[in-house]
Amino acid sequence: MVFLWGLSFSRSQRMADRQMKPSAFCDAESIRIGQSCEDLFVLTAKKALGPRLLSITPSTPTQDKREHWDYALTTAEGAVKVDVKARRKMNRSDADAQDLYFPVEFVSVSGKKGWIYGDADVIAFEVLHAFVLVERSAYASMAEKLVDMGNFVDRASDAVYKCYTRKGRRDLFSWIKRADLLSIPHEIWMK
């Protein structure tokens, strides 16, 4: 695995610049949830890696949007780019987020490569009491094998191993079952 796990914590002045703004594709509540999850990931990384953690560097807004990574974690072994994913609801109307299915974005809302094909080395999925970290490339390979790219559905909750595109957007995503996510090499960092 690409995992570093060997990293000083330098929270960059760019954090204020990284704050996303609501848009046609992302509402204020989604932004708040994502930022809260990223903040919690930083604390969790410090706890999980302890003195091995040399630095955590946030991405610039351009890196976040185009390269699909949130933080570079540096240890004596090197740096690893991490894309942090908050817990998700199957449908926006659901009361709570869930931990049974994990998203995979093949195409972004702007019609470009989705985060599964980004520059992150690791995807950190938030679950209720932890983060599950997987190599992005391993997750991509698994998703490409499991998702029926020719089978499109009309509702997000029906997109388990099928494709879904939200109305008025150009994205393409699917859901992967937790058991499959945990079948590839992974680490679990308790919050």
C-alpha atoms as a PDB file:
ATOM      1  CA  MET A   1       0.000   0.000   0.000  1.00  0.00           C
ATOM      2  CA  VAL A   2       1.023   3.577  -0.573  1.00  0.00           C
ATOM      3  CA  PHE A   3       0.251   4.396   3.064  1.00  0.00           C
ATOM      4  CA  LEU A   4       2.802   6.652   4.704  1.00  0.00           C
ATOM      5  CA  TRP A   5       2.141   6.082   8.237  1.00  0.00           C
ATOM      6  CA  GLY A   6       5.239   7.499   9.639  1.00  0.00           C
ATOM      7  CA  LEU A   7       4.149  12.659   9.760  1.00  0.00           C
ATOM      8  CA  SER A   8       4.468  18.559  12.451  1.00  0.00           C
ATOM      9  CA  PHE A   9       1.195  19.788  11.970  1.00  0.00           C
ATOM     10  CA  SER A  10       1.275  22.981   9.962  1.00  0.00           C
ATOM     11  CA  ARG A  11      -2.223  24.187   9.386  1.00  0.00           C
ATOM     12  CA  SER A  12      -1.815  26.508   6.429  1.00  0.00           C
ATOM     13  CA  GLN A  13      -2.989  30.108   6.215  1.00  0.00           C
ATOM     14  CA  ARG A  14      -4.720  28.968   3.056  1.00  0.00           C
ATOM     15  CA  MET A  15      -7.519  27.353   5.086  1.00  0.00           C
ATOM     16  CA  ALA A  16      -9.585  30.533   4.852  1.00  0.00           C
ATOM     17  CA  ASP A  17      -9.026  30.528   1.092  1.00  0.00           C
ATOM     18  CA  ARG A  18     -10.176  26.887   0.879  1.00  0.00           C
ATOM     19  CA  GLN A  19     -13.661  27.649   2.158  1.00  0.00           C
ATOM     20  CA  MET A  20     -16.112  26.597  -0.529  1.00  0.00           C
ATOM     21  CA  LYS A  21     -19.039  28.761  -1.451  1.00  0.00           C
ATOM     22  CA  PRO A  22     -22.543  27.566  -2.276  1.00  0.00           C
ATOM     23  CA  SER A  23     -23.177  27.088  -5.987  1.00  0.00           C
ATOM     24  CA  ALA A  24     -25.704  25.572  -8.327  1.00  0.00           C
ATOM     25  CA  PHE A  25     -24.061  22.213  -7.609  1.00  0.00           C
ATOM     26  CA  CYS A  26     -23.443  22.377  -3.853  1.00  0.00           C
ATOM     27  CA  ASP A  27     -25.653  23.849  -1.151  1.00  0.00           C
ATOM     28  CA  ALA A  28     -24.511  25.525   2.078  1.00  0.00           C
ATOM     29  CA  GLU A  29     -25.456  22.536   4.257  1.00  0.00           C
ATOM     30  CA  SER A  30     -23.409  20.117   2.143  1.00  0.00           C
ATOM     31  CA  ILE A  31     -20.446  22.478   2.349  1.00  0.00           C
ATOM     32  CA  ARG A  32     -20.805  22.712   6.145  1.00  0.00           C
ATOM     33  CA  ILE A  33     -20.918  18.928   6.493  1.00  0.00           C
ATOM     34  CA  GLY A  34     -17.901  18.475   4.236  1.00  0.00           C
ATOM     35  CA  GLN A  35     -15.817  21.107   6.038  1.00  0.00           C
ATOM     36  CA  SER A  36     -16.737  19.684   9.441  1.00  0.00           C
ATOM     37  CA  CYS A  37     -15.703  16.214   8.252  1.00  0.00           C
ATOM     38  CA  GLU A  38     -12.380  17.530   6.928  1.00  0.00           C
ATOM     39  CA  ASP A  39     -11.687  19.297  10.243  1.00  0.00           C
ATOM     40  CA  LEU A  40     -12.426  16.067  12.096  1.00  0.00           C
ATOM     41  CA  PHE A  41     -10.139  14.150   9.736  1.00  0.00           C
ATOM     42  CA  VAL A  42      -7.241  16.493  10.570  1.00  0.00           C
ATOM     43  CA  LEU A  43      -7.722  15.817  14.298  1.00  0.00           C
ATOM     44  CA  THR A  44      -8.038  12.089  13.629  1.00  0.00           C
ATOM     45  CA  ALA A  45      -4.852  12.030  11.521  1.00  0.00           C
ATOM     46  CA  LYS A  46      -2.939  13.764  14.315  1.00  0.00           C
ATOM     47  CA  LYS A  47      -4.229  11.186  16.796  1.00  0.00           C
ATOM     48  CA  ALA A  48      -3.632   8.185  14.522  1.00  0.00           C
ATOM     49  CA  LEU A  49      -0.146   9.135  13.394  1.00  0.00           C
ATOM     50  CA  GLY A  50       1.048  10.910  16.534  1.00  0.00           C
ATOM     51  CA  PRO A  51       4.670  12.040  16.440  1.00  0.00           C
ATOM     52  CA  ARG A  52       5.223  10.406  13.040  1.00  0.00           C
ATOM     53  CA  LEU A  53       3.104  13.198  11.509  1.00  0.00           C
ATOM     54  CA  LEU A  54       5.450  15.906  10.241  1.00  0.00           C
ATOM     55  CA  SER A  55       2.870  18.078   8.477  1.00  0.00           C
ATOM     56  CA  ILE A  56      -0.635  18.281   7.127  1.00  0.00           C
ATOM     57  CA  THR A  57      -0.938  20.658   4.194  1.00  0.00           C
ATOM     58  CA  PRO A  58      -4.382  21.550   2.844  1.00  0.00           C
ATOM     59  CA  SER A  59      -4.957  21.681  -0.880  1.00  0.00           C
ATOM     60  CA  THR A  60      -5.583  24.962  -2.649  1.00  0.00           C
ATOM     61  CA  PRO A  61      -9.106  25.502  -4.009  1.00  0.00           C
ATOM     62  CA  THR A  62      -7.818  24.651  -7.490  1.00  0.00           C
ATOM     63  CA  GLN A  63      -6.163  21.441  -6.282  1.00  0.00           C
ATOM     64  CA  ASP A  64      -9.323  20.472  -4.412  1.00  0.00           C
ATOM     65  CA  LYS A  65     -11.546  21.015  -7.446  1.00  0.00           C
ATOM     66  CA  ARG A  66      -9.312  19.811 -10.286  1.00  0.00           C
ATOM     67  CA  GLU A  67      -6.969  17.319  -8.652  1.00  0.00           C
ATOM     68  CA  HIS A  68      -9.491  15.952  -6.128  1.00  0.00           C
ATOM     69  CA  TRP A  69      -7.454  15.932  -2.915  1.00  0.00           C
ATOM     70  CA  ASP A  70      -7.921  17.731   0.401  1.00  0.00           C
ATOM     71  CA  TYR A  71      -4.714  17.229   2.419  1.00  0.00           C
ATOM     72  CA  ALA A  72      -1.137  16.116   1.921  1.00  0.00           C
ATOM     73  CA  LEU A  73       0.022  14.175   4.981  1.00  0.00           C
ATOM     74  CA  THR A  74       3.797  14.052   5.371  1.00  0.00           C
ATOM     75  CA  THR A  75       5.828  11.566   7.394  1.00  0.00           C
ATOM     76  CA  ALA A  76       9.485  10.606   7.246  1.00  0.00           C
ATOM     77  CA  GLU A  77       8.457   8.053   4.605  1.00  0.00           C
ATOM     78  CA  GLY A  78       7.035  10.754   2.304  1.00  0.00           C
ATOM     79  CA  ALA A  79       3.819  12.580   1.492  1.00  0.00           C
ATOM     80  CA  VAL A  80       0.430  11.118   0.668  1.00  0.00           C
ATOM     81  CA  LYS A  81      -2.487  13.087  -0.787  1.00  0.00           C
ATOM     82  CA  VAL A  82      -5.819  12.305   0.849  1.00  0.00           C
ATOM     83  CA  ASP A  83      -9.349  13.016  -0.394  1.00  0.00           C
ATOM     84  CA  VAL A  84     -11.762  13.097   2.558  1.00  0.00           C
ATOM     85  CA  LYS A  85     -15.363  11.948   2.072  1.00  0.00           C
ATOM     86  CA  ALA A  86     -18.068  12.731   4.621  1.00  0.00           C
ATOM     87  CA  ARG A  87     -20.772  10.229   5.543  1.00  0.00           C
ATOM     88  CA  ARG A  88     -23.565  10.295   2.982  1.00  0.00           C
ATOM     89  CA  LYS A  89     -27.276   9.802   2.790  1.00  0.00           C
ATOM     90  CA  MET A  90     -28.545   7.494   0.062  1.00  0.00           C
ATOM     91  CA  ASN A  91     -31.076  10.221  -0.828  1.00  0.00           C
ATOM     92  CA  ARG A  92     -31.082  13.874   0.230  1.00  0.00           C
ATOM     93  CA  SER A  93     -34.499  13.317   1.800  1.00  0.00           C
ATOM     94  CA  ASP A  94     -33.160  10.627   4.171  1.00  0.00           C
ATOM     95  CA  ALA A  95     -33.091  11.616   7.830  1.00  0.00           C
ATOM     96  CA  ASP A  96     -29.546  10.408   8.491  1.00  0.00           C
ATOM     97  CA  ALA A  97     -26.296   9.525   6.785  1.00  0.00           C
ATOM     98  CA  GLN A  98     -25.493   5.827   6.544  1.00  0.00           C
ATOM     99  CA  ASP A  99     -22.412   3.580   6.623  1.00  0.00           C
ATOM    100  CA  LEU A 100     -23.553   0.611   4.522  1.00  0.00           C
ATOM    101  CA  TYR A 101     -22.783   2.056   1.083  1.00  0.00           C
ATOM    102  CA  PHE A 102     -19.918   4.232  -0.123  1.00  0.00           C
ATOM    103  CA  PRO A 103     -19.966   6.543  -3.128  1.00  0.00           C
ATOM    104  CA  VAL A 104     -17.795   6.435  -6.205  1.00  0.00           C
ATOM    105  CA  GLU A 105     -17.785   9.431  -8.565  1.00  0.00           C
ATOM    106  CA  PHE A 106     -16.708   8.517 -12.090  1.00  0.00           C
ATOM    107  CA  VAL A 107     -17.597  11.917 -13.624  1.00  0.00           C
ATOM    108  CA  SER A 108     -17.839  15.217 -11.724  1.00  0.00           C
ATOM    109  CA  VAL A 109     -20.774  17.651 -11.854  1.00  0.00           C
ATOM    110  CA  SER A 110     -18.784  19.716 -14.361  1.00  0.00           C
ATOM    111  CA  GLY A 111     -18.435  16.704 -16.663  1.00  0.00           C
ATOM    112  CA  LYS A 112     -14.728  16.175 -15.952  1.00  0.00           C
ATOM    113  CA  LYS A 113     -12.991  13.206 -14.326  1.00  0.00           C
ATOM    114  CA  GLY A 114     -14.567  12.258 -11.024  1.00  0.00           C
ATOM    115  CA  TRP A 115     -12.637  12.056  -7.765  1.00  0.00           C
ATOM    116  CA  ILE A 116     -12.027   8.337  -8.244  1.00  0.00           C
ATOM    117  CA  TYR A 117      -9.625   9.340 -11.056  1.00  0.00           C
ATOM    118  CA  GLY A 118      -8.081  12.285  -9.181  1.00  0.00           C
ATOM    119  CA  ASP A 119      -4.572  12.791  -7.848  1.00  0.00           C
ATOM    120  CA  ALA A 120      -5.274  11.553  -4.304  1.00  0.00           C
ATOM    121  CA  ASP A 121      -3.303   8.518  -3.184  1.00  0.00           C
ATOM    122  CA  VAL A 122      -5.828   7.674  -0.480  1.00  0.00           C
ATOM    123  CA  ILE A 123      -9.578   8.143   0.003  1.00  0.00           C
ATOM    124  CA  ALA A 124     -10.640   8.610   3.645  1.00  0.00           C
ATOM    125  CA  PHE A 125     -14.295   7.677   4.070  1.00  0.00           C
ATOM    126  CA  GLU A 126     -15.946   8.899   7.246  1.00  0.00           C
ATOM    127  CA  VAL A 127     -18.055   6.380   9.151  1.00  0.00           C
ATOM    128  CA  LEU A 128     -19.829   6.903  12.462  1.00  0.00           C
ATOM    129  CA  HIS A 129     -16.834   6.456  14.797  1.00  0.00           C
ATOM    130  CA  ALA A 130     -13.872   6.319  12.409  1.00  0.00           C
ATOM    131  CA  PHE A 131     -12.370   6.951   8.998  1.00  0.00           C
ATOM    132  CA  VAL A 132     -11.777   4.059   6.610  1.00  0.00           C
ATOM    133  CA  LEU A 133      -8.728   4.747   4.426  1.00  0.00           C
ATOM    134  CA  VAL A 134      -8.235   2.958   1.111  1.00  0.00           C
ATOM    135  CA  GLU A 135      -5.865   3.421  -1.790  1.00  0.00           C
ATOM    136  CA  ARG A 136      -7.696   5.412  -4.444  1.00  0.00           C
ATOM    137  CA  SER A 137      -6.332   3.254  -7.279  1.00  0.00           C
ATOM    138  CA  ALA A 138      -7.469   0.017  -5.602  1.00  0.00           C
ATOM    139  CA  TYR A 139     -10.927   1.489  -4.988  1.00  0.00           C
ATOM    140  CA  ALA A 140     -11.105   2.638  -8.629  1.00  0.00           C
ATOM    141  CA  SER A 141     -10.121  -0.812  -9.933  1.00  0.00           C
ATOM    142  CA  MET A 142     -12.692  -2.500  -7.717  1.00  0.00           C
ATOM    143  CA  ALA A 143     -15.456  -0.035  -8.702  1.00  0.00           C
ATOM    144  CA  GLU A 144     -14.712  -0.462 -12.409  1.00  0.00           C
ATOM    145  CA  LYS A 145     -15.125  -4.226 -12.027  1.00  0.00           C
ATOM    146  CA  LEU A 146     -18.257  -4.149  -9.869  1.00  0.00           C
ATOM    147  CA  VAL A 147     -20.308  -1.283 -11.334  1.00  0.00           C
ATOM    148  CA  ASP A 148     -22.436  -2.024 -14.395  1.00  0.00           C
ATOM    149  CA  MET A 149     -21.565   1.099 -16.409  1.00  0.00           C
ATOM    150  CA  GLY A 150     -24.349   0.385 -18.909  1.00  0.00           C
ATOM    151  CA  ASN A 151     -27.120   0.202 -16.307  1.00  0.00           C
ATOM    152  CA  PHE A 152     -28.563   3.615 -15.395  1.00  0.00           C
ATOM    153  CA  VAL A 153     -31.168   4.186 -12.708  1.00  0.00           C
ATOM    154  CA  ASP A 154     -33.449   7.129 -11.883  1.00  0.00           C
ATOM    155  CA  ARG A 155     -32.869   7.343  -8.130  1.00  0.00           C
ATOM    156  CA  ALA A 156     -29.640   7.607  -6.144  1.00  0.00           C
ATOM    157  CA  SER A 157     -30.768   4.892  -3.722  1.00  0.00           C
ATOM    158  CA  ASP A 158     -31.068   2.443  -6.648  1.00  0.00           C
ATOM    159  CA  ALA A 159     -27.489   3.099  -7.819  1.00  0.00           C
ATOM    160  CA  VAL A 160     -25.831   0.240  -5.923  1.00  0.00           C
ATOM    161  CA  TYR A 161     -23.432  -1.102  -8.592  1.00  0.00           C
ATOM    162  CA  LYS A 162     -25.439   0.864 -11.179  1.00  0.00           C
ATOM    163  CA  CYS A 163     -25.000   4.387 -12.562  1.00  0.00           C
ATOM    164  CA  TYR A 164     -26.879   7.513 -11.560  1.00  0.00           C
ATOM    165  CA  THR A 165     -26.740  11.061 -12.892  1.00  0.00           C
ATOM    166  CA  ARG A 166     -28.489  13.848 -11.030  1.00  0.00           C
ATOM    167  CA  LYS A 167     -30.997  15.921 -12.985  1.00  0.00           C
ATOM    168  CA  GLY A 168     -29.418  18.998 -14.538  1.00  0.00           C
ATOM    169  CA  ARG A 169     -25.873  17.783 -13.851  1.00  0.00           C
ATOM    170  CA  ARG A 170     -23.237  15.889 -15.762  1.00  0.00           C
ATOM    171  CA  ASP A 171     -22.011  13.705 -12.913  1.00  0.00           C
ATOM    172  CA  LEU A 172     -21.951   9.926 -12.889  1.00  0.00           C
ATOM    173  CA  PHE A 173     -21.736   8.002  -9.650  1.00  0.00           C
ATOM    174  CA  SER A 174     -22.580   4.728  -7.993  1.00  0.00           C
ATOM    175  CA  TRP A 175     -22.624   3.104  -4.557  1.00  0.00           C
ATOM    176  CA  ILE A 176     -20.302   0.337  -3.332  1.00  0.00           C
ATOM    177  CA  LYS A 177     -21.276  -1.991  -0.458  1.00  0.00           C
ATOM    178  CA  ARG A 178     -19.275  -1.733   2.769  1.00  0.00           C
ATOM    179  CA  ALA A 179     -18.230  -5.391   2.581  1.00  0.00           C
ATOM    180  CA  ASP A 180     -16.636  -4.767  -0.814  1.00  0.00           C
ATOM    181  CA  LEU A 181     -14.893  -1.601   0.377  1.00  0.00           C
ATOM    182  CA  LEU A 182     -13.448  -3.540   3.306  1.00  0.00           C
ATOM    183  CA  SER A 183     -12.313  -6.366   1.010  1.00  0.00           C
ATOM    184  CA  ILE A 184      -9.500  -4.205  -0.404  1.00  0.00           C
ATOM    185  CA  PRO A 185      -6.485  -3.198   1.718  1.00  0.00           C
ATOM    186  CA  HIS A 186      -7.593  -0.540   4.198  1.00  0.00           C
ATOM    187  CA  GLU A 187      -6.826   1.138   7.491  1.00  0.00           C
ATOM    188  CA  ILE A 188      -9.308   2.258  10.100  1.00  0.00           C
ATOM    189  CA  TRP A 189      -8.523   5.373  12.138  1.00  0.00           C
ATOM    190  CA  MET A 190     -10.787   5.826  15.139  1.00  0.00           C
ATOM    191  CA  LYS A 191     -12.076   9.371  15.688  1.00  0.00           C
END
